[in-house]
């Protein structure tokens, strides 16, 4: 009797895995809310290195008043509400508006940041949807930057 119960439970698990496993894996790996890939996140140390090497296109997606109150050096203010429109600008219009070169879709030095990571995560999703697949975000945001700079 015990072997029947064990084999029955095992068969149910195998059937469930075969039937639902791929669906669950597809959902959890393709849904942005369920994946925070570490290669999409820039740490404070990485950000510092990129800034000192001048190998970064840093976009601050906070509102202009937040940006004026304080920002990470060399960051370009591109509010989240205008991000999609801004990333679709022609190179000439982008340069006119932001006074920097247009980021390329294959650039691996595009980094978004905000105050604490929520808006920059949304910016990252928008950028990825537009084809900027190597873009990343500084999850700690300006708040973490200020704290780390005080140390």
Foldseek 3Di string as FASTA:
>chain_A
DVVVVVVVVVVVVVVCCVVCVVVVVCVQVVDLVNDDDPLQADELVNVVVCVVVVNAAEEEQDDPVVVVVDDDPPYWYDHLVCLLVLLPDDQVVNCVVGVDGRDDLARLRYEYAYQAAPSRSVSQVSSVVVRSVNYHYHRRHPPVNVVVVVD
